[in-house]
Amino acid sequence: MVLDRGQTLDWLESRFIVVFLSIAITALIAAAIWEWRHPDPVVEIRLLADRNFAIANAYYFLFGFALFGSTVLIPQMLQVLYGYTATDAGLVLGPGAFVIVALAPVIVRILPKFGVKPLIFIGYVIFALAMWKYASIDLGTDYQHVALFRALQGLGIAPLFVPVSQLAYSYLPKNKNNKASSITNLFRNQGGSVGIAFVTTLLARRTQYHQSVLVAHATPLQPRYQEALGALSRYLAAHGFTAPDAALHAKAELARIIQQQAALLGFLDCFWILGCACLIGAPLVFLTRKIRSAGTGAAH
């Protein structure tokens, strides 16, 4: 409830959000204490004492955070700024899924040769590069490039599924696999929820920030603003508008352009932050214990 309604109700400025957040934190602490002390817990928190399992769950959280966050941003950006239909915006996501499916059997084959750590490291680096590619686009970027960046993202995601799963189960007893699986799913789902809430909030606030900066420079005291306004007014007057109407529509068009550019910059900021979040995953591999050759490697 907090993550879903937070941005709409302005987060901690809302009494509703404060109350529900307090309930959530209290319940989470109580649940953690109860599960830790129970002899047969539903969520076996003790499993997180295993270093590889704990780091693997951090990976699942980062994965959900960046994947779901970007999956929300990309179609929204394409529809709002580029005028794509919902279908076309959805099709842009297709190449990423195709790359993941195509590379899945390849990753399984090369995993024993290269090992878990290099594949996870490379995967998160490529994931970060894909996000930074999105952070470098402009309003002239075409469909092909946007889809190509999504394919690059898929290239980064493909080396993560099986290696991270093998990392998670490498030192756990086989009889703990079911309970471990519930924890990994929890971290991935929570990462997705937090990622969606984060990018939604960041997009709104960064768009407002960039709009305030751009508007501060769009004043009659700025020569470039006067030049742009005059050029638009003359263009509209040449196409049948009266002089007063041309001036009025020119100001409206400049306001639309400012809003469009502010929104674009907000999206680019979000992609840049997602790239930084992905990059956190790369050096974490150096904190993991060496995986035993007889690791369970349970995938799901």
Protein backbone atom coordinates (compact mmCIF):
# COMPACT_ATOMS: atom_id res chain seq x y z
CA MET A 1 0.00 0.00 0.00
CA VAL A 2 2.83 2.40 0.89
CA LEU A 3 4.74 1.75 -2.33
CA ASP A 4 1.60 1.83 -4.49
CA ARG A 5 0.06 5.01 -3.08
CA GLY A 6 3.18 6.82 -1.88
CA GLN A 7 3.82 9.01 -4.90
CA THR A 8 0.16 9.88 -5.33
CA LEU A 9 -0.19 10.97 -1.68
CA ASP A 10 3.27 12.64 -1.45
CA TRP A 11 4.85 10.00 0.78
CA LEU A 12 5.53 11.09 4.38
CA GLU A 13 3.50 14.27 3.92
CA SER A 14 0.44 12.02 4.04
CA ARG A 15 -0.85 10.78 7.39
CA PHE A 16 -2.26 7.73 5.60
CA ILE A 17 1.21 6.76 4.34
CA VAL A 18 2.86 7.42 7.73
CA VAL A 19 0.34 5.18 9.51
CA PHE A 20 0.65 2.34 7.01
CA LEU A 21 4.45 2.61 6.92
CA SER A 22 4.57 2.43 10.71
CA ILE A 23 2.36 -0.65 10.65
CA ALA A 24 4.54 -2.25 7.97
CA ILE A 25 7.81 -1.63 9.83
CA THR A 26 6.38 -2.85 13.14
CA ALA A 27 4.94 -5.97 11.54
CA LEU A 28 8.18 -6.69 9.70
CA ILE A 29 10.27 -6.46 12.88
CA ALA A 30 7.79 -8.63 14.80
CA ALA A 31 7.72 -11.20 12.01
CA ALA A 32 11.52 -11.33 11.83
CA ILE A 33 11.78 -11.91 15.60
CA TRP A 34 9.06 -14.57 15.52
CA GLU A 35 10.50 -16.42 12.53
CA TRP A 36 14.03 -16.31 13.98
CA ARG A 37 12.92 -17.93 17.25
CA HIS A 38 10.45 -20.45 15.82
CA PRO A 39 11.80 -24.03 15.46
CA ASP A 40 10.10 -24.54 12.09
CA PRO A 41 9.61 -21.05 10.57
CA VAL A 42 7.66 -20.30 7.41
CA VAL A 43 10.40 -17.87 6.34
CA GLU A 44 13.70 -19.27 7.58
CA ILE A 45 15.68 -16.08 8.08
CA ARG A 46 18.64 -18.05 9.41
CA LEU A 47 19.43 -19.07 5.85
CA LEU A 48 20.62 -15.50 5.22
CA ALA A 49 23.53 -16.22 7.55
CA ASP A 50 25.07 -18.07 4.60
CA ARG A 51 27.13 -15.47 2.75
CA ASN A 52 26.47 -16.79 -0.77
CA PHE A 53 22.74 -17.03 -0.15
CA ALA A 54 22.59 -13.52 1.29
CA ILE A 55 24.50 -12.03 -1.66
CA ALA A 56 22.36 -14.00 -4.12
CA ASN A 57 19.25 -12.42 -2.55
CA ALA A 58 20.85 -9.00 -2.93
CA TYR A 59 21.26 -9.89 -6.61
CA TYR A 60 17.62 -10.94 -6.87
CA PHE A 61 16.58 -7.62 -5.32
CA LEU A 62 18.78 -5.61 -7.70
CA PHE A 63 17.54 -7.66 -10.62
CA GLY A 64 13.89 -7.03 -9.79
CA PHE A 65 14.60 -3.37 -9.03
CA ALA A 66 16.27 -2.63 -12.38
CA LEU A 67 14.21 -4.94 -14.60
CA PHE A 68 10.76 -3.94 -13.39
CA GLY A 69 11.77 -0.29 -13.07
CA SER A 70 13.00 -0.15 -16.68
CA THR A 71 10.03 -2.16 -17.93
CA VAL A 72 7.73 0.52 -16.51
CA LEU A 73 9.81 3.42 -17.85
CA ILE A 74 10.43 2.34 -21.44
CA PRO A 75 6.82 1.96 -22.70
CA GLN A 76 5.74 5.04 -20.77
CA MET A 77 8.53 7.12 -22.30
CA LEU A 78 7.79 5.88 -25.81
CA GLN A 79 4.08 6.63 -25.55
CA VAL A 80 4.37 10.01 -23.83
CA LEU A 81 7.33 11.49 -25.72
CA TYR A 82 7.54 9.60 -29.00
CA GLY A 83 3.86 9.08 -29.73
CA TYR A 84 4.06 5.28 -29.92
CA THR A 85 0.90 3.26 -29.56
CA ALA A 86 0.66 0.85 -26.63
CA THR A 87 1.27 -2.03 -29.05
CA ASP A 88 4.39 -0.52 -30.60
CA ALA A 89 5.77 0.43 -27.18
CA GLY A 90 5.18 -3.13 -25.99
CA LEU A 91 6.89 -4.61 -29.04
CA VAL A 92 10.07 -2.70 -28.16
CA LEU A 93 10.39 -5.00 -25.15
CA GLY A 94 10.33 -8.10 -27.35
CA PRO A 95 14.00 -8.21 -28.43
CA GLY A 96 15.15 -8.38 -24.82
CA ALA A 97 13.02 -11.46 -24.15
CA PHE A 98 14.16 -13.05 -27.42
CA VAL A 99 17.83 -12.62 -26.47
CA ILE A 100 17.25 -14.14 -23.03
CA VAL A 101 15.50 -17.20 -24.47
CA ALA A 102 18.12 -17.65 -27.20
CA LEU A 103 21.06 -17.42 -24.79
CA ALA A 104 19.62 -19.55 -21.96
CA PRO A 105 20.96 -22.89 -23.29
CA VAL A 106 24.27 -21.24 -24.18
CA ILE A 107 24.72 -19.97 -20.63
CA VAL A 108 24.03 -23.44 -19.23
CA ARG A 109 26.73 -24.90 -21.49
CA ILE A 110 29.44 -22.36 -20.76
CA LEU A 111 28.72 -22.09 -17.02
CA PRO A 112 30.96 -25.03 -15.99
CA LYS A 113 33.81 -23.62 -18.08
CA PHE A 114 33.69 -19.96 -17.06
CA GLY A 115 32.23 -20.24 -13.59
CA VAL A 116 29.53 -18.32 -11.75
CA LYS A 117 31.47 -15.19 -10.77
CA PRO A 118 32.61 -14.03 -14.24
CA LEU A 119 29.14 -14.52 -15.72
CA ILE A 120 27.41 -12.57 -12.95
CA PHE A 121 30.03 -9.82 -13.15
CA ILE A 122 29.68 -9.51 -16.94
CA GLY A 123 25.89 -9.71 -16.75
CA TYR A 124 25.52 -6.79 -14.37
CA VAL A 125 28.08 -4.69 -16.26
CA ILE A 126 26.17 -5.20 -19.53
CA PHE A 127 22.88 -4.53 -17.73
CA ALA A 128 24.30 -1.22 -16.48
CA LEU A 129 25.59 -0.31 -19.95
CA ALA A 130 22.14 -0.92 -21.42
CA MET A 131 20.56 1.43 -18.89
CA TRP A 132 23.18 4.09 -19.62
CA LYS A 133 22.50 3.67 -23.34
CA TYR A 134 18.88 4.55 -22.63
CA ALA A 135 20.15 7.52 -20.60
CA SER A 136 21.88 8.87 -23.72
CA ILE A 137 18.93 8.95 -26.13
CA ASP A 138 17.15 12.04 -27.44
CA LEU A 139 13.84 12.75 -29.12
CA GLY A 140 15.38 11.84 -32.47
CA THR A 141 16.24 8.27 -31.46
CA ASP A 142 14.43 5.82 -33.74
CA TYR A 143 12.61 2.56 -33.02
CA GLN A 144 15.53 0.40 -34.11
CA HIS A 145 17.93 1.87 -31.58
CA VAL A 146 15.45 1.70 -28.70
CA ALA A 147 14.78 -1.97 -29.47
CA LEU A 148 18.53 -2.61 -29.81
CA PHE A 149 19.15 -1.18 -26.35
CA ARG A 150 16.47 -3.50 -24.97
CA ALA A 151 18.23 -6.43 -26.66
CA LEU A 152 21.47 -5.30 -24.98
CA GLN A 153 19.62 -5.35 -21.68
CA GLY A 154 18.54 -8.92 -22.42
CA LEU A 155 22.17 -9.77 -23.13
CA GLY A 156 23.00 -8.60 -19.62
CA ILE A 157 20.09 -10.44 -18.01
CA ALA A 158 20.76 -13.79 -19.69
CA PRO A 159 23.97 -14.59 -17.73
CA LEU A 160 22.23 -13.93 -14.40
CA PHE A 161 19.41 -16.46 -14.03
CA VAL A 162 21.25 -19.76 -13.67
CA PRO A 163 24.52 -18.45 -12.13
CA VAL A 164 22.74 -16.46 -9.41
CA SER A 165 20.52 -19.46 -8.66
CA GLN A 166 23.57 -21.70 -8.38
CA LEU A 167 25.22 -19.14 -6.12
CA ALA A 168 22.16 -19.05 -3.87
CA TYR A 169 22.01 -22.81 -3.32
CA SER A 170 25.74 -23.55 -3.37
CA TYR A 171 26.14 -24.10 0.38
CA LEU A 172 22.57 -24.81 1.48
CA PRO A 173 21.41 -28.29 2.52
CA LYS A 174 19.10 -29.83 -0.08
CA ASN A 175 16.28 -30.10 2.44
CA LYS A 176 16.29 -26.29 2.72
CA ASN A 177 15.78 -25.64 -1.00
CA ASN A 178 12.02 -25.05 -0.77
CA LYS A 179 12.33 -22.51 2.03
CA ALA A 180 15.27 -20.87 0.28
CA SER A 181 13.21 -20.58 -2.90
CA SER A 182 10.46 -18.69 -1.06
CA ILE A 183 13.03 -16.18 0.23
CA THR A 184 14.60 -15.60 -3.19
CA ASN A 185 11.16 -15.04 -4.71
CA LEU A 186 10.37 -12.60 -1.91
CA PHE A 187 13.51 -10.56 -2.57
CA ARG A 188 12.91 -10.50 -6.33
CA ASN A 189 9.29 -9.43 -5.95
CA GLN A 190 10.13 -6.80 -3.35
CA GLY A 191 12.91 -5.51 -5.59
CA GLY A 192 10.37 -5.12 -8.38
CA SER A 193 7.87 -3.32 -6.13
CA VAL A 194 10.51 -0.96 -4.77
CA GLY A 195 11.91 -0.39 -8.26
CA ILE A 196 8.53 0.59 -9.70
CA ALA A 197 7.77 2.92 -6.79
CA PHE A 198 11.27 4.40 -6.97
CA VAL A 199 11.27 5.21 -10.68
CA THR A 200 7.72 6.59 -10.51
CA THR A 201 8.69 8.97 -7.72
CA LEU A 202 12.07 9.87 -9.22
CA LEU A 203 10.53 10.54 -12.64
CA ALA A 204 7.94 12.94 -11.22
CA ARG A 205 10.44 14.84 -9.09
CA ARG A 206 13.24 15.04 -11.66
CA THR A 207 10.76 16.19 -14.32
CA GLN A 208 9.59 18.95 -11.99
CA TYR A 209 13.19 19.92 -11.27
CA HIS A 210 14.20 20.11 -14.93
CA GLN A 211 11.04 22.02 -15.81
CA SER A 212 11.80 24.62 -13.14
CA VAL A 213 15.36 25.03 -14.49
CA LEU A 214 14.20 25.33 -18.10
CA VAL A 215 11.40 27.75 -17.24
CA ALA A 216 13.88 29.95 -15.39
CA HIS A 217 15.69 30.45 -18.71
CA ALA A 218 12.54 30.98 -20.77
CA THR A 219 11.97 34.64 -19.98
CA PRO A 220 11.79 37.79 -22.11
CA LEU A 221 15.20 38.70 -20.70
CA GLN A 222 16.80 35.76 -22.52
CA PRO A 223 17.80 36.63 -26.13
CA ARG A 224 17.49 33.00 -27.31
CA TYR A 225 13.97 32.77 -25.92
CA GLN A 226 13.03 35.98 -27.74
CA GLU A 227 14.56 34.67 -30.95
CA ALA A 228 12.68 31.36 -30.72
CA LEU A 229 9.42 33.11 -29.87
CA GLY A 230 9.84 35.53 -32.76
CA ALA A 231 10.66 32.76 -35.22
CA LEU A 232 7.61 30.74 -34.19
CA SER A 233 5.36 33.79 -34.34
CA ARG A 234 6.54 34.65 -37.86
CA TYR A 235 6.08 31.04 -38.97
CA LEU A 236 2.52 30.90 -37.64
CA ALA A 237 1.69 34.32 -39.09
CA ALA A 238 2.89 33.11 -42.48
CA HIS A 239 0.48 30.18 -42.23
CA GLY A 240 -2.68 32.15 -41.68
CA PHE A 241 -2.65 33.19 -38.02
CA THR A 242 -3.29 36.78 -37.04
CA ALA A 243 -0.41 38.52 -35.26
CA PRO A 244 -1.97 38.26 -31.75
CA ASP A 245 -2.95 34.62 -32.30
CA ALA A 246 0.48 33.80 -33.70
CA ALA A 247 2.19 35.26 -30.60
CA LEU A 248 -0.17 33.38 -28.28
CA HIS A 249 0.28 30.04 -30.05
CA ALA A 250 4.04 30.53 -30.21
CA LYS A 251 4.19 30.87 -26.42
CA ALA A 252 2.02 27.77 -26.03
CA GLU A 253 4.30 25.81 -28.37
CA LEU A 254 7.40 26.85 -26.45
CA ALA A 255 5.72 25.80 -23.20
CA ARG A 256 4.96 22.39 -24.74
CA ILE A 257 8.57 22.00 -25.89
CA ILE A 258 9.84 22.88 -22.40
CA GLN A 259 7.53 20.31 -20.81
CA GLN A 260 8.60 17.68 -23.34
CA GLN A 261 12.30 18.31 -22.76
CA ALA A 262 11.84 18.31 -18.98
CA ALA A 263 10.06 14.94 -19.18
CA LEU A 264 12.82 13.51 -21.38
CA LEU A 265 15.50 14.66 -18.94
CA GLY A 266 13.51 13.09 -16.10
CA PHE A 267 13.44 9.74 -17.92
CA LEU A 268 17.17 9.95 -18.66
CA ASP A 269 17.91 10.56 -14.97
CA CYS A 270 15.91 7.46 -14.05
CA PHE A 271 17.80 5.29 -16.53
CA TRP A 272 21.12 6.64 -15.30
CA ILE A 273 20.25 5.77 -11.68
CA LEU A 274 19.10 2.28 -12.71
CA GLY A 275 22.45 1.80 -14.46
CA CYS A 276 24.29 2.77 -11.28
CA ALA A 277 22.14 0.33 -9.29
CA CYS A 278 23.01 -2.48 -11.72
CA LEU A 279 26.70 -1.68 -11.47
CA ILE A 280 26.56 -2.30 -7.71
CA GLY A 281 26.02 -5.97 -8.49
CA ALA A 282 29.31 -6.43 -10.35
CA PRO A 283 31.79 -6.05 -7.45
CA LEU A 284 29.59 -8.08 -5.08
CA VAL A 285 30.88 -11.26 -6.72
CA PHE A 286 34.24 -10.70 -5.02
CA LEU A 287 32.54 -11.09 -1.64
CA THR A 288 31.16 -14.56 -2.39
CA ARG A 289 32.68 -17.83 -1.27
CA LYS A 290 34.07 -20.17 -3.89
CA ILE A 291 31.28 -22.37 -5.15
CA ARG A 292 31.68 -26.08 -4.62
CA SER A 293 31.56 -28.22 -7.73
CA ALA A 294 28.81 -30.27 -6.15
CA GLY A 295 26.53 -27.28 -5.55
CA THR A 296 22.87 -27.91 -6.01
CA GLY A 297 22.36 -25.08 -8.49
CA ALA A 298 18.63 -25.37 -8.27
CA ALA A 299 17.02 -23.12 -10.85
CA HIS A 300 13.46 -21.82 -10.83
